[in-house]
Amino acid sequence: RRLRKQVTACYLAALCIIEIGTCFTGLLRQFILDAFKIDIRTMEQLTTNIYIRTTSCRIHIYLTYVFLRLSPIILVIVTIQRYL
């Protein structure tokens, strides 16, 4: 309970959520592609609407890069906070 009151614990909890998001956006696409032969970036098997396919591809790429960029930023913030 006392760890919840520390700022570092909040940063590390956020880092954990970001890392889970990285795994879901990066590795889950590959798993679905290997297991079911469905690429969530193209969505050819699920819909013929070009706007849905384009939007899903852009959202997936955006979330992948956001999660990959947030992880080192949170680590730097934790390091600076612990140093100060």
C-alpha atoms as a PDB file:
ATOM      1  CA  ARG A   1       0.000   0.000   0.000  1.00  0.00           C
ATOM      2  CA  ARG A   2       2.805   2.437   0.711  1.00  0.00           C
ATOM      3  CA  LEU A   3       4.280   1.869  -2.762  1.00  0.00           C
ATOM      4  CA  ARG A   4       1.112   3.239  -4.354  1.00  0.00           C
ATOM      5  CA  LYS A   5       1.851   6.613  -2.784  1.00  0.00           C
ATOM      6  CA  GLN A   6       5.248   6.932  -4.445  1.00  0.00           C
ATOM      7  CA  VAL A   7       5.514   8.708  -7.767  1.00  0.00           C
ATOM      8  CA  THR A   8       7.941   6.124  -9.134  1.00  0.00           C
ATOM      9  CA  ALA A   9       5.385   3.369  -8.642  1.00  0.00           C
ATOM     10  CA  CYS A  10       2.877   5.320 -10.741  1.00  0.00           C
ATOM     11  CA  TYR A  11       5.442   5.786 -13.497  1.00  0.00           C
ATOM     12  CA  LEU A  12       6.316   2.100 -13.457  1.00  0.00           C
ATOM     13  CA  ALA A  13       2.638   1.134 -13.577  1.00  0.00           C
ATOM     14  CA  ALA A  14       2.224   3.380 -16.625  1.00  0.00           C
ATOM     15  CA  LEU A  15       5.321   1.775 -18.141  1.00  0.00           C
ATOM     16  CA  CYS A  16       3.795  -1.670 -17.598  1.00  0.00           C
ATOM     17  CA  ILE A  17       0.604  -0.650 -19.409  1.00  0.00           C
ATOM     18  CA  ILE A  18       2.612   0.852 -22.261  1.00  0.00           C
ATOM     19  CA  GLU A  19       4.683  -2.322 -22.604  1.00  0.00           C
ATOM     20  CA  ILE A  20       1.512  -4.427 -22.721  1.00  0.00           C
ATOM     21  CA  GLY A  21       0.227  -2.119 -25.454  1.00  0.00           C
ATOM     22  CA  THR A  22       3.487  -2.600 -27.336  1.00  0.00           C
ATOM     23  CA  CYS A  23       3.092  -6.362 -27.158  1.00  0.00           C
ATOM     24  CA  PHE A  24      -0.514  -6.231 -28.304  1.00  0.00           C
ATOM     25  CA  THR A  25       0.081  -3.919 -31.257  1.00  0.00           C
ATOM     26  CA  GLY A  26       3.340  -5.480 -32.366  1.00  0.00           C
ATOM     27  CA  LEU A  27       3.087  -9.170 -31.642  1.00  0.00           C
ATOM     28  CA  LEU A  28      -0.652  -9.718 -31.821  1.00  0.00           C
ATOM     29  CA  ARG A  29      -0.716  -8.713 -35.492  1.00  0.00           C
ATOM     30  CA  GLN A  30       1.901 -11.325 -36.297  1.00  0.00           C
ATOM     31  CA  PHE A  31       0.065 -13.980 -34.269  1.00  0.00           C
ATOM     32  CA  ILE A  32      -3.244 -13.317 -36.048  1.00  0.00           C
ATOM     33  CA  LEU A  33      -1.460 -13.368 -39.389  1.00  0.00           C
ATOM     34  CA  ASP A  34       0.219 -16.705 -38.663  1.00  0.00           C
ATOM     35  CA  ALA A  35      -2.751 -18.388 -36.992  1.00  0.00           C
ATOM     36  CA  PHE A  36      -5.693 -17.213 -39.067  1.00  0.00           C
ATOM     37  CA  LYS A  37      -4.087 -15.745 -42.223  1.00  0.00           C
ATOM     38  CA  ILE A  38      -5.789 -12.404 -41.537  1.00  0.00           C
ATOM     39  CA  ASP A  39      -3.748  -9.227 -41.733  1.00  0.00           C
ATOM     40  CA  ILE A  40      -5.387  -6.583 -39.563  1.00  0.00           C
ATOM     41  CA  ARG A  41      -3.622  -3.870 -41.519  1.00  0.00           C
ATOM     42  CA  THR A  42      -5.255  -4.800 -44.812  1.00  0.00           C
ATOM     43  CA  MET A  43      -8.501  -6.369 -43.493  1.00  0.00           C
ATOM     44  CA  GLU A  44      -9.133  -7.869 -46.941  1.00  0.00           C
ATOM     45  CA  GLN A  45     -10.822 -10.955 -45.508  1.00  0.00           C
ATOM     46  CA  LEU A  46     -13.183  -9.030 -43.242  1.00  0.00           C
ATOM     47  CA  THR A  47     -14.411  -6.066 -45.270  1.00  0.00           C
ATOM     48  CA  THR A  48     -14.423  -4.673 -48.791  1.00  0.00           C
ATOM     49  CA  ASN A  49     -14.849  -1.077 -47.679  1.00  0.00           C
ATOM     50  CA  ILE A  50     -11.614   0.738 -48.555  1.00  0.00           C
ATOM     51  CA  TYR A  51     -12.130   3.406 -45.878  1.00  0.00           C
ATOM     52  CA  ILE A  52     -12.337   0.856 -43.060  1.00  0.00           C
ATOM     53  CA  ARG A  53      -9.251  -0.936 -44.357  1.00  0.00           C
ATOM     54  CA  THR A  54      -7.276   2.298 -44.625  1.00  0.00           C
ATOM     55  CA  THR A  55      -8.395   3.503 -41.211  1.00  0.00           C
ATOM     56  CA  SER A  56      -7.565   0.227 -39.467  1.00  0.00           C
ATOM     57  CA  CYS A  57      -4.112   0.200 -41.044  1.00  0.00           C
ATOM     58  CA  ARG A  58      -3.397   3.768 -39.989  1.00  0.00           C
ATOM     59  CA  ILE A  59      -4.659   3.235 -36.457  1.00  0.00           C
ATOM     60  CA  HIS A  60      -2.554   0.110 -36.036  1.00  0.00           C
ATOM     61  CA  ILE A  61       0.608   1.790 -37.319  1.00  0.00           C
ATOM     62  CA  TYR A  62      -0.040   4.890 -35.196  1.00  0.00           C
ATOM     63  CA  LEU A  63      -0.582   2.893 -31.996  1.00  0.00           C
ATOM     64  CA  THR A  64       2.482   0.754 -32.656  1.00  0.00           C
ATOM     65  CA  TYR A  65       4.737   3.786 -32.944  1.00  0.00           C
ATOM     66  CA  VAL A  66       3.120   5.619 -30.025  1.00  0.00           C
ATOM     67  CA  PHE A  67       3.694   2.687 -27.681  1.00  0.00           C
ATOM     68  CA  LEU A  68       7.241   2.189 -28.951  1.00  0.00           C
ATOM     69  CA  ARG A  69       8.093   5.867 -28.384  1.00  0.00           C
ATOM     70  CA  LEU A  70       6.413   6.215 -24.990  1.00  0.00           C
ATOM     71  CA  SER A  71       8.356   3.427 -23.342  1.00  0.00           C
ATOM     72  CA  PRO A  72      11.804   5.105 -23.386  1.00  0.00           C
ATOM     73  CA  ILE A  73      10.256   8.451 -22.461  1.00  0.00           C
ATOM     74  CA  ILE A  74       8.727   6.964 -19.312  1.00  0.00           C
ATOM     75  CA  LEU A  75      12.064   5.336 -18.445  1.00  0.00           C
ATOM     76  CA  VAL A  76      13.840   8.680 -18.785  1.00  0.00           C
ATOM     77  CA  ILE A  77      11.224  10.361 -16.594  1.00  0.00           C
ATOM     78  CA  VAL A  78      11.641   7.661 -13.929  1.00  0.00           C
ATOM     79  CA  THR A  79      15.413   8.043 -14.040  1.00  0.00           C
ATOM     80  CA  ILE A  80      15.281  11.818 -13.725  1.00  0.00           C
ATOM     81  CA  GLN A  81      12.732  11.605 -10.917  1.00  0.00           C
ATOM     82  CA  ARG A  82      14.873   9.113  -8.998  1.00  0.00           C
ATOM     83  CA  TYR A  83      17.989  11.246  -9.535  1.00  0.00           C
ATOM     84  CA  LEU A  84      16.329  14.374  -8.213  1.00  0.00           C
END
